[in-house]
Amino acid sequence: MHAFEHPLTSRYASRAMRELLSPATRLGLWRRLWLELMRAQRELGVGIPAEAIAQLEAHLHITPAELARLQELERETRHDVMAHVRALAEVAPAAGPWLHLGATSCYVTDNADLIVLRRGCDLLLAEAAAVVAALAEFARVWKDLPCLGHTHFQPAQPTTLGKRACLWLADLLEDLEHLEAQRHRLRLRGAKGTTGTQASFLQLFGGDHDKVRELEARLAAAFGFPGTYPVTGQTSPRKPEYYLLTCLSGLAQSAYKFASDVRLLSRLKELDEPASATQVGSSAMPYKRNPMRCERMAGLARYVISLPPNAAWTAASQWLERTLDDSANRRLVLPEAFLATDAILALWHAVAAGLEVYPAMVRRNLMEELPFLASEEILLAAAARGGDRQLLHERLRVASREAARRVKVEGEANPLLDLVARDPAFSLDTTALAQLLDPSRYVGRAPQQVDEFLADVVTPWLEAHPGQPADEPLV
């Protein structure tokens, strides 16, 4: 209660993402990296005793007592990696003389970061696949429901609710394709030494270049990577982190668009995000049911959208073989980007899977504007009965203006059809006009587009990407 708690970990992100980015995971990976380095060095001829490997294997998970000792040593040394080397050597003394042999701090810090980033991508892709499945089901259910289209948030040609959902889906799938591509481009930093020349490992293997290359290959294989970056300075390259964050930014942009659309449609009373029976919308207005999940999505998305320039500056400001001004920054930016994106996806799935649609209001909003939107059909029908197209166009323009005036100024229901029916120039009675107001006449191929998009694009993608929704926090 008397210290700051990060809301991403205390309120928003899922347990799985919090655990992935936890100190326990990071420090455990450091130990695993030291183990695989020692194991590969021993197999390649370095005289590391088997007992050293065995003791290190027995201490891959840090205990609370070891963590306390580690923190004590870090305060003393002001160096997190050397503090860990010393703490680990105390509990695995046989491994102590061989720990970190030939390595620099970035061997554990940057390689562990890359492992975590790749696992984070996998987690986000699985969570996003659950969102795709929920949106696809929504599109399938509502593919035929005509609704008022909007451009500039003004009434426009009708579409269907399912077709609108496909717009959300198309954006999200494009984001996920980019994210998956960058995930597969990630490589391990490997064992590159102090400035990336591998000089220490070349010396360790007596000048045998093949053994140095084999060491790299074994490390990559041990952690399931297709290889290591062929050249680095002291650190792993920072550009891949920028590219990853641009993918997360793109995903956040799509989430923001979805959340904003739901908020607008909620105001039009056409749909609502899900809400529990006991949910309170306002401390002052008891009737309120605010779209709080979508608002939270938008707030988190705005933050993620802002992060790529930060990563760009980190990549741009790497002096020569390295500088350390990236360290504190990356400890904030990388975890927060993944935690916030994880939280967005948890919210997105909860909303998409529980959207409440009000077909009566969808139809009411559409029918209020449809007389205006049907003006071209009215014009064509009247001309087909022998009317002068240019004269009819002008009379319809004047009638539309009068109808709009009555709606806006006098609060009437749209009177356009009555005005047209009473004008003998159109030769159309109310029955003929009513036939022109079937909403399905105005949605074009929207239902067919939904079917085709789901069959040709969405379903194949889902078959290759099993989903696992993130757990939505209680607050």
Protein backbone atom coordinates (compact mmCIF):
# COMPACT_ATOMS: atom_id res chain seq x y z
CA MET A 1 0.00 0.00 0.00
CA HIS A 2 2.95 2.35 0.46
CA ALA A 3 4.95 1.52 -2.68
CA PHE A 4 4.12 1.93 -6.34
CA GLU A 5 2.65 -1.13 -8.06
CA HIS A 6 2.80 -1.25 -11.82
CA PRO A 7 -0.78 -1.46 -13.13
CA LEU A 8 0.28 -3.68 -16.00
CA THR A 9 1.20 -6.42 -13.53
CA SER A 10 -1.27 -5.65 -10.76
CA ARG A 11 -4.38 -4.96 -12.88
CA TYR A 12 -4.14 -5.68 -16.58
CA ALA A 13 -1.78 -8.37 -17.90
CA SER A 14 -2.40 -12.11 -17.81
CA ARG A 15 -0.69 -14.51 -15.42
CA ALA A 16 1.14 -16.21 -18.28
CA MET A 17 2.72 -12.99 -19.54
CA ARG A 18 3.56 -11.82 -16.03
CA GLU A 19 5.33 -15.10 -15.33
CA LEU A 20 7.22 -15.00 -18.62
CA LEU A 21 8.59 -11.54 -17.81
CA SER A 22 9.28 -12.30 -14.15
CA PRO A 23 12.69 -12.24 -12.42
CA ALA A 24 12.33 -15.98 -11.83
CA THR A 25 12.10 -16.63 -15.58
CA ARG A 26 14.93 -14.24 -16.43
CA LEU A 27 17.33 -15.54 -13.78
CA GLY A 28 16.42 -19.13 -14.55
CA LEU A 29 17.32 -18.51 -18.20
CA TRP A 30 20.65 -17.07 -17.17
CA ARG A 31 21.45 -20.28 -15.32
CA ARG A 32 20.29 -22.38 -18.25
CA LEU A 33 22.48 -20.33 -20.58
CA TRP A 34 25.51 -20.89 -18.35
CA LEU A 35 24.71 -24.60 -18.22
CA GLU A 36 24.44 -24.96 -22.01
CA LEU A 37 27.64 -22.95 -22.48
CA MET A 38 29.55 -25.18 -20.05
CA ARG A 39 28.05 -28.33 -21.54
CA ALA A 40 29.00 -27.36 -25.10
CA GLN A 41 32.48 -26.25 -24.02
CA ARG A 42 33.04 -29.58 -22.26
CA GLU A 43 31.83 -31.56 -25.29
CA LEU A 44 34.19 -29.54 -27.49
CA GLY A 45 37.23 -30.33 -25.37
CA VAL A 46 37.40 -27.88 -22.47
CA GLY A 47 38.30 -29.73 -19.27
CA ILE A 48 35.15 -28.97 -17.32
CA PRO A 49 34.44 -31.78 -14.81
CA ALA A 50 31.15 -33.65 -14.94
CA GLU A 51 30.44 -32.64 -11.34
CA ALA A 52 30.40 -28.98 -12.39
CA ILE A 53 27.65 -29.74 -14.93
CA ALA A 54 25.72 -31.85 -12.42
CA GLN A 55 25.78 -29.19 -9.69
CA LEU A 56 24.68 -26.47 -12.09
CA GLU A 57 21.84 -28.66 -13.38
CA ALA A 58 20.66 -29.06 -9.79
CA HIS A 59 20.41 -25.28 -9.29
CA LEU A 60 18.60 -24.06 -12.39
CA HIS A 61 15.77 -22.59 -10.31
CA ILE A 62 16.69 -19.84 -7.90
CA THR A 63 15.45 -20.21 -4.33
CA PRO A 64 14.28 -17.33 -2.10
CA ALA A 65 17.47 -17.65 -0.05
CA GLU A 66 19.60 -17.50 -3.19
CA LEU A 67 17.64 -14.46 -4.41
CA ALA A 68 18.28 -12.66 -1.12
CA ARG A 69 22.00 -13.47 -1.38
CA LEU A 70 22.03 -12.34 -5.00
CA GLN A 71 20.49 -8.99 -4.08
CA GLU A 72 23.04 -8.56 -1.29
CA LEU A 73 25.91 -9.23 -3.70
CA GLU A 74 24.45 -6.87 -6.31
CA ARG A 75 24.38 -4.05 -3.78
CA GLU A 76 28.01 -4.83 -3.07
CA THR A 77 29.26 -5.25 -6.65
CA ARG A 78 26.85 -2.87 -8.43
CA HIS A 79 26.83 -5.50 -11.22
CA ASP A 80 23.88 -7.83 -11.67
CA VAL A 81 25.64 -10.52 -13.69
CA MET A 82 28.76 -10.79 -11.51
CA ALA A 83 26.58 -10.84 -8.41
CA HIS A 84 24.71 -13.79 -9.90
CA VAL A 85 27.93 -15.59 -10.85
CA ARG A 86 29.15 -15.32 -7.26
CA ALA A 87 25.82 -16.33 -5.75
CA LEU A 88 25.56 -19.35 -8.04
CA ALA A 89 29.15 -20.39 -7.31
CA GLU A 90 28.32 -20.48 -3.60
CA VAL A 91 25.58 -23.11 -4.08
CA ALA A 92 27.28 -24.95 -6.97
CA PRO A 93 30.96 -24.73 -5.99
CA ALA A 94 32.13 -27.32 -8.49
CA ALA A 95 30.70 -25.16 -11.29
CA GLY A 96 32.11 -21.91 -9.86
CA PRO A 97 35.54 -21.98 -11.59
CA TRP A 98 33.93 -22.62 -14.97
CA LEU A 99 30.97 -20.25 -14.86
CA HIS A 100 30.87 -17.51 -17.50
CA LEU A 101 34.06 -18.80 -19.12
CA GLY A 102 34.86 -16.62 -22.14
CA ALA A 103 31.53 -14.83 -21.88
CA THR A 104 30.49 -11.24 -21.40
CA SER A 105 27.40 -10.08 -19.50
CA CYS A 106 25.41 -9.86 -22.72
CA TYR A 107 25.80 -13.59 -23.16
CA VAL A 108 23.21 -14.10 -20.45
CA THR A 109 21.29 -10.81 -20.54
CA ASP A 110 20.74 -10.46 -24.28
CA ASN A 111 20.35 -14.15 -25.08
CA ALA A 112 17.77 -14.43 -22.29
CA ASP A 113 15.97 -11.37 -23.66
CA LEU A 114 15.78 -12.94 -27.10
CA ILE A 115 14.39 -16.17 -25.67
CA VAL A 116 11.78 -14.23 -23.72
CA LEU A 117 10.86 -12.07 -26.71
CA ARG A 118 10.30 -15.14 -28.88
CA ARG A 119 8.20 -16.84 -26.20
CA GLY A 120 6.30 -13.58 -25.78
CA CYS A 121 5.53 -13.52 -29.50
CA ASP A 122 4.25 -17.10 -29.30
CA LEU A 123 2.02 -16.19 -26.37
CA LEU A 124 0.62 -13.14 -28.15
CA LEU A 125 0.01 -15.09 -31.35
CA ALA A 126 -1.96 -17.74 -29.45
CA GLU A 127 -3.98 -15.08 -27.61
CA ALA A 128 -4.62 -13.21 -30.85
CA ALA A 129 -5.76 -16.41 -32.57
CA ALA A 130 -8.51 -16.66 -29.95
CA VAL A 131 -9.55 -13.11 -30.86
CA VAL A 132 -9.58 -14.01 -34.55
CA ALA A 133 -11.80 -17.01 -33.83
CA ALA A 134 -14.24 -14.90 -31.79
CA LEU A 135 -14.46 -12.21 -34.46
CA ALA A 136 -14.88 -14.82 -37.19
CA GLU A 137 -17.80 -16.37 -35.35
CA PHE A 138 -19.37 -12.94 -34.88
CA ALA A 139 -18.97 -12.22 -38.59
CA ARG A 140 -20.50 -15.57 -39.50
CA VAL A 141 -23.55 -15.09 -37.27
CA TRP A 142 -24.28 -11.53 -38.43
CA LYS A 143 -23.18 -11.70 -42.05
CA ASP A 144 -26.71 -11.05 -43.35
CA LEU A 145 -27.86 -8.33 -40.93
CA PRO A 146 -28.07 -5.05 -42.87
CA CYS A 147 -26.84 -2.04 -40.94
CA LEU A 148 -26.23 1.59 -41.67
CA GLY A 149 -22.80 2.23 -43.10
CA HIS A 150 -20.88 5.32 -42.04
CA THR A 151 -18.28 7.49 -43.68
CA HIS A 152 -17.07 10.49 -41.69
CA PHE A 153 -19.47 9.07 -39.05
CA GLN A 154 -22.26 10.28 -41.32
CA PRO A 155 -24.90 7.95 -42.82
CA ALA A 156 -23.64 6.13 -45.90
CA GLN A 157 -24.52 3.12 -48.05
CA PRO A 158 -25.65 0.15 -45.96
CA THR A 159 -23.36 -2.77 -45.21
CA THR A 160 -23.89 -5.77 -42.93
CA LEU A 161 -22.74 -6.18 -39.36
CA GLY A 162 -20.78 -9.29 -40.32
CA LYS A 163 -18.98 -7.43 -43.12
CA ARG A 164 -18.00 -4.73 -40.66
CA ALA A 165 -16.49 -7.40 -38.39
CA CYS A 166 -14.44 -8.62 -41.35
CA LEU A 167 -12.81 -5.20 -41.54
CA TRP A 168 -11.65 -5.68 -37.93
CA LEU A 169 -10.47 -9.18 -38.79
CA ALA A 170 -8.54 -8.14 -41.88
CA ASP A 171 -6.56 -5.54 -39.93
CA LEU A 172 -5.76 -7.99 -37.14
CA LEU A 173 -4.64 -10.76 -39.48
CA GLU A 174 -2.27 -8.42 -41.28
CA ASP A 175 -0.76 -7.42 -37.93
CA LEU A 176 -0.32 -11.06 -36.95
CA GLU A 177 1.37 -11.91 -40.24
CA HIS A 178 3.94 -9.20 -39.57
CA LEU A 179 4.42 -10.29 -35.97
CA GLU A 180 4.88 -13.93 -36.93
CA ALA A 181 7.40 -12.99 -39.61
CA GLN A 182 9.48 -10.98 -37.13
CA ARG A 183 9.22 -13.77 -34.57
CA HIS A 184 10.74 -16.20 -37.10
CA ARG A 185 13.52 -13.73 -37.90
CA LEU A 186 14.74 -13.70 -34.30
CA ARG A 187 18.09 -15.37 -33.70
CA LEU A 188 20.13 -16.07 -30.59
CA ARG A 189 23.04 -13.73 -29.94
CA GLY A 190 25.17 -16.73 -29.12
CA ALA A 191 28.68 -16.63 -27.66
CA LYS A 192 30.31 -13.60 -29.26
CA GLY A 193 32.57 -12.30 -26.48
CA THR A 194 33.25 -8.77 -25.36
CA THR A 195 33.02 -6.88 -28.65
CA GLY A 196 31.51 -9.57 -30.82
CA THR A 197 34.80 -10.92 -32.24
CA GLN A 198 34.69 -14.26 -30.35
CA ALA A 199 38.36 -13.73 -29.47
CA SER A 200 37.98 -15.25 -25.99
CA PHE A 201 36.36 -18.41 -27.36
CA LEU A 202 38.93 -18.71 -30.13
CA GLN A 203 41.64 -18.61 -27.45
CA LEU A 204 39.73 -21.12 -25.31
CA PHE A 205 39.66 -23.59 -28.22
CA GLY A 206 43.31 -23.07 -29.12
CA GLY A 207 42.62 -21.16 -32.32
CA ASP A 208 40.17 -23.74 -33.70
CA HIS A 209 37.62 -21.71 -35.67
CA ASP A 210 35.47 -24.75 -36.37
CA LYS A 211 34.95 -25.33 -32.66
CA VAL A 212 33.91 -21.71 -32.16
CA ARG A 213 31.34 -22.08 -34.94
CA GLU A 214 30.18 -25.38 -33.51
CA LEU A 215 29.76 -23.76 -30.09
CA GLU A 216 27.39 -21.23 -31.63
CA ALA A 217 25.42 -23.92 -33.43
CA ARG A 218 25.03 -25.99 -30.27
CA LEU A 219 23.83 -23.02 -28.25
CA ALA A 220 21.24 -22.11 -30.88
CA ALA A 221 20.00 -25.69 -31.04
CA ALA A 222 19.80 -25.97 -27.25
CA PHE A 223 17.25 -23.14 -27.19
CA GLY A 224 15.41 -24.05 -30.38
CA PHE A 225 16.70 -21.18 -32.52
CA PRO A 226 17.55 -21.69 -36.22
CA GLY A 227 20.89 -20.00 -35.65
CA THR A 228 22.68 -17.01 -34.16
CA TYR A 229 23.15 -13.51 -35.53
CA PRO A 230 26.22 -13.78 -37.77
CA VAL A 231 27.76 -10.54 -36.56
CA THR A 232 27.17 -8.48 -33.43
CA GLY A 233 28.94 -5.96 -31.28
CA GLN A 234 28.87 -6.58 -27.57
CA THR A 235 25.07 -6.74 -27.55
CA SER A 236 22.53 -8.46 -29.72
CA PRO A 237 21.31 -6.16 -32.50
CA ARG A 238 18.68 -3.69 -31.32
CA LYS A 239 16.93 -3.31 -34.67
CA PRO A 240 14.89 -6.54 -34.27
CA GLU A 241 13.41 -5.09 -31.08
CA TYR A 242 12.30 -2.02 -33.00
CA TYR A 243 10.70 -4.18 -35.70
CA LEU A 244 8.90 -6.25 -33.05
CA LEU A 245 7.54 -3.14 -31.37
CA THR A 246 6.27 -1.81 -34.69
CA CYS A 247 4.30 -5.07 -35.01
CA LEU A 248 2.86 -4.61 -31.54
CA SER A 249 2.05 -1.01 -32.40
CA GLY A 250 0.20 -2.19 -35.50
CA LEU A 251 -1.78 -4.66 -33.43
CA ALA A 252 -2.60 -1.90 -30.95
CA GLN A 253 -3.77 0.33 -33.81
CA SER A 254 -6.21 -2.35 -34.92
CA ALA A 255 -7.39 -2.87 -31.36
CA TYR A 256 -7.95 0.86 -30.94
CA LYS A 257 -10.00 0.96 -34.13
CA PHE A 258 -12.15 -1.98 -33.00
CA ALA A 259 -12.65 -0.49 -29.54
CA SER A 260 -13.57 2.90 -30.99
CA ASP A 261 -16.09 1.35 -33.38
CA VAL A 262 -17.74 -0.54 -30.53
CA ARG A 263 -17.90 2.63 -28.45
CA LEU A 264 -19.55 4.53 -31.30
CA LEU A 265 -22.04 1.75 -31.99
CA SER A 266 -22.77 1.49 -28.29
CA ARG A 267 -23.78 5.15 -28.31
CA LEU A 268 -26.07 4.37 -31.27
CA LYS A 269 -27.56 1.55 -29.16
CA GLU A 270 -26.78 -1.04 -31.83
CA LEU A 271 -24.50 -3.18 -29.68
CA ASP A 272 -22.82 -3.34 -26.28
CA GLU A 273 -19.70 -4.92 -24.92
CA PRO A 274 -20.48 -7.62 -22.33
CA ALA A 275 -21.18 -6.54 -18.77
CA SER A 276 -21.77 -8.47 -15.58
CA ALA A 277 -25.03 -8.17 -13.66
CA THR A 278 -23.28 -6.41 -10.77
CA GLN A 279 -21.10 -4.11 -12.86
CA VAL A 280 -21.31 -0.42 -11.89
CA GLY A 281 -21.02 2.13 -14.67
CA SER A 282 -20.86 5.35 -12.69
CA SER A 283 -20.61 6.40 -9.06
CA ALA A 284 -23.06 9.25 -9.74
CA MET A 285 -25.35 8.01 -12.54
CA PRO A 286 -26.87 4.62 -11.67
CA TYR A 287 -28.26 4.01 -15.16
CA LYS A 288 -24.86 4.15 -16.85
CA ARG A 289 -23.42 1.16 -18.69
CA ASN A 290 -20.13 2.45 -20.03
CA PRO A 291 -17.99 0.52 -22.53
CA MET A 292 -15.20 0.28 -19.97
CA ARG A 293 -13.38 -2.66 -21.55
CA CYS A 294 -13.17 -0.87 -24.90
CA GLU A 295 -12.09 2.32 -23.17
CA ARG A 296 -9.34 0.39 -21.38
CA MET A 297 -8.31 -1.19 -24.67
CA ALA A 298 -8.03 2.25 -26.22
CA GLY A 299 -5.98 3.60 -23.33
CA LEU A 300 -3.54 0.69 -23.40
CA ALA A 301 -3.38 0.74 -27.19
CA ARG A 302 -2.47 4.40 -27.20
CA TYR A 303 0.50 3.55 -24.98
CA VAL A 304 1.72 0.67 -27.14
CA ILE A 305 1.35 2.77 -30.30
CA SER A 306 3.73 5.31 -28.76
CA LEU A 307 6.59 2.84 -28.05
CA PRO A 308 8.31 2.18 -31.43
CA PRO A 309 10.04 5.60 -31.52
CA ASN A 310 11.61 4.74 -28.17
CA ALA A 311 13.02 1.49 -29.56
CA ALA A 312 14.14 3.38 -32.66
CA TRP A 313 16.22 5.71 -30.51
CA THR A 314 17.75 2.74 -28.71
CA ALA A 315 18.82 1.24 -32.03
CA ALA A 316 20.10 4.58 -33.30
CA SER A 317 22.15 5.42 -30.22
CA GLN A 318 24.30 2.29 -29.98
CA TRP A 319 27.78 3.83 -29.98
CA LEU A 320 30.32 1.75 -31.90
CA GLU A 321 30.28 -1.74 -30.32
CA ARG A 322 27.87 -0.72 -27.53
CA THR A 323 26.81 1.81 -24.92
CA LEU A 324 24.94 1.15 -21.68
CA ASP A 325 22.29 3.85 -21.90
CA ASP A 326 19.98 1.27 -23.43
CA SER A 327 19.87 -0.96 -20.35
CA ALA A 328 17.50 0.89 -18.04
CA ASN A 329 15.35 1.89 -21.01
CA ARG A 330 14.94 -1.68 -22.31
CA ARG A 331 14.08 -2.96 -18.83
CA LEU A 332 11.01 -0.71 -19.07
CA VAL A 333 10.04 -0.67 -22.72
CA LEU A 334 10.26 -4.32 -23.75
CA PRO A 335 8.33 -5.84 -20.83
CA GLU A 336 5.74 -3.07 -20.85
CA ALA A 337 5.15 -3.45 -24.60
CA PHE A 338 4.40 -7.16 -24.21
CA LEU A 339 2.43 -6.80 -20.98
CA ALA A 340 0.26 -4.05 -22.45
CA THR A 341 -0.32 -5.93 -25.71
CA ASP A 342 -1.22 -9.04 -23.73
CA ALA A 343 -3.74 -7.01 -21.74
CA ILE A 344 -5.22 -5.58 -24.93
CA LEU A 345 -5.73 -9.06 -26.36
CA ALA A 346 -7.36 -10.31 -23.16
CA LEU A 347 -9.83 -7.44 -23.32
CA TRP A 348 -10.34 -7.83 -27.06
CA HIS A 349 -11.24 -11.48 -26.71
CA ALA A 350 -13.62 -10.79 -23.82
CA VAL A 351 -15.42 -8.12 -25.86
CA ALA A 352 -15.46 -9.95 -29.20
CA ALA A 353 -16.72 -13.19 -27.65
CA GLY A 354 -19.50 -11.44 -25.74
CA LEU A 355 -20.73 -8.60 -27.96
CA GLU A 356 -24.45 -8.02 -27.53
CA VAL A 357 -26.28 -7.02 -30.72
CA TYR A 358 -29.65 -5.26 -30.82
CA PRO A 359 -31.13 -6.02 -34.26
CA ALA A 360 -34.20 -3.85 -33.66
CA MET A 361 -32.03 -0.77 -33.06
CA VAL A 362 -29.78 -1.68 -35.98
CA ARG A 363 -32.87 -1.75 -38.23
CA ARG A 364 -34.36 1.39 -36.72
CA ASN A 365 -31.18 3.41 -37.32
CA LEU A 366 -30.94 2.08 -40.83
CA MET A 367 -34.58 2.70 -41.72
CA GLU A 368 -34.42 6.29 -40.46
CA GLU A 369 -31.80 7.05 -43.11
CA LEU A 370 -32.76 4.56 -45.82
CA PRO A 371 -35.20 6.90 -47.62
CA PHE A 372 -32.28 9.23 -48.28
CA LEU A 373 -29.98 6.36 -49.23
CA ALA A 374 -32.68 5.00 -51.59
CA SER A 375 -32.93 8.24 -53.51
CA GLU A 376 -31.09 6.82 -56.53
CA GLU A 377 -33.43 3.81 -56.61
CA ILE A 378 -36.42 6.18 -56.40
CA LEU A 379 -35.00 8.25 -59.23
CA LEU A 380 -34.50 5.20 -61.44
CA ALA A 381 -37.97 3.81 -60.67
CA ALA A 382 -39.67 7.10 -61.44
CA ALA A 383 -37.70 7.55 -64.66
CA ALA A 384 -38.69 4.02 -65.72
CA ARG A 385 -42.33 5.14 -65.48
CA GLY A 386 -41.72 7.87 -68.03
CA GLY A 387 -40.49 10.73 -65.88
CA ASP A 388 -37.81 13.23 -66.95
CA ARG A 389 -34.66 12.14 -65.12
CA GLN A 390 -33.22 15.67 -64.76
CA LEU A 391 -36.50 17.16 -63.55
CA LEU A 392 -36.98 14.28 -61.12
CA HIS A 393 -33.45 14.71 -59.79
CA GLU A 394 -34.11 18.33 -58.93
CA ARG A 395 -37.49 17.62 -57.33
CA LEU A 396 -35.93 14.80 -55.30
CA ARG A 397 -33.11 17.10 -54.19
CA VAL A 398 -35.59 19.70 -52.97
CA ALA A 399 -37.74 17.09 -51.26
CA SER A 400 -34.68 15.61 -49.51
CA ARG A 401 -33.68 19.01 -48.19
CA GLU A 402 -37.19 19.58 -46.85
CA ALA A 403 -37.26 16.14 -45.25
CA ALA A 404 -33.89 16.75 -43.59
CA ARG A 405 -35.10 20.13 -42.33
CA ARG A 406 -38.17 18.60 -40.71
CA VAL A 407 -36.11 15.86 -39.06
CA LYS A 408 -33.54 18.26 -37.67
CA VAL A 409 -35.66 21.31 -36.90
CA GLU A 410 -39.05 19.84 -36.02
CA GLY A 411 -37.95 16.42 -34.76
CA GLU A 412 -40.22 14.53 -37.16
CA ALA A 413 -39.68 11.02 -38.46
CA ASN A 414 -38.15 11.07 -41.91
CA PRO A 415 -41.00 12.30 -44.22
CA LEU A 416 -39.19 11.87 -47.56
CA LEU A 417 -41.29 8.97 -48.80
CA ASP A 418 -44.53 10.83 -48.05
CA LEU A 419 -43.26 13.87 -49.92
CA VAL A 420 -42.35 11.73 -52.94
CA ALA A 421 -45.65 9.82 -52.85
CA ARG A 422 -47.62 13.09 -52.89
CA ASP A 423 -45.65 14.48 -55.84
CA PRO A 424 -47.38 13.37 -59.09
CA ALA A 425 -44.13 13.85 -61.03
CA PHE A 426 -42.79 10.57 -59.57
CA SER A 427 -45.89 8.41 -60.23
CA LEU A 428 -44.94 6.26 -57.21
CA ASP A 429 -47.38 5.39 -54.45
CA THR A 430 -46.46 4.32 -50.92
CA THR A 431 -46.64 0.60 -51.86
CA ALA A 432 -44.20 1.02 -54.73
CA LEU A 433 -41.91 3.10 -52.54
CA ALA A 434 -42.01 0.56 -49.71
CA GLN A 435 -40.76 -2.11 -52.09
CA LEU A 436 -37.70 0.03 -52.69
CA LEU A 437 -36.86 0.04 -48.97
CA ASP A 438 -35.87 -3.58 -48.52
CA PRO A 439 -32.45 -3.17 -46.81
CA SER A 440 -31.04 -6.28 -48.48
CA ARG A 441 -31.23 -4.41 -51.83
CA TYR A 442 -28.50 -2.05 -50.66
CA VAL A 443 -25.79 -4.23 -49.12
CA GLY A 444 -24.27 -5.41 -52.39
CA ARG A 445 -22.11 -8.52 -51.96
CA ALA A 446 -21.47 -7.98 -48.26
CA PRO A 447 -22.84 -11.39 -47.14
CA GLN A 448 -20.96 -13.17 -49.91
CA GLN A 449 -17.78 -11.27 -49.07
CA VAL A 450 -18.06 -12.52 -45.50
CA ASP A 451 -18.41 -16.13 -46.61
CA GLU A 452 -15.52 -15.85 -49.05
CA PHE A 453 -13.20 -14.06 -46.62
CA LEU A 454 -13.86 -16.55 -43.84
CA ALA A 455 -13.42 -19.54 -46.14
CA ASP A 456 -10.41 -18.32 -48.12
CA VAL A 457 -8.44 -16.37 -45.52
CA VAL A 458 -9.59 -16.72 -41.94
CA THR A 459 -10.30 -20.44 -41.64
CA PRO A 460 -6.96 -21.54 -43.17
CA TRP A 461 -5.12 -19.15 -40.85
CA LEU A 462 -6.96 -20.46 -37.79
CA GLU A 463 -6.25 -24.06 -38.75
CA ALA A 464 -2.54 -23.24 -38.64
CA HIS A 465 -2.73 -21.16 -35.46
CA PRO A 466 -4.46 -22.74 -32.45
CA GLY A 467 -5.79 -20.11 -30.06
CA GLN A 468 -5.39 -19.76 -26.33
CA PRO A 469 -7.27 -16.76 -24.87
CA ALA A 470 -5.52 -14.75 -22.21
CA ASP A 471 -7.12 -14.70 -18.79
CA GLU A 472 -8.78 -11.35 -18.19
CA PRO A 473 -7.93 -9.86 -14.77
CA LEU A 474 -10.80 -9.26 -12.38
CA VAL A 475 -10.40 -5.47 -12.39
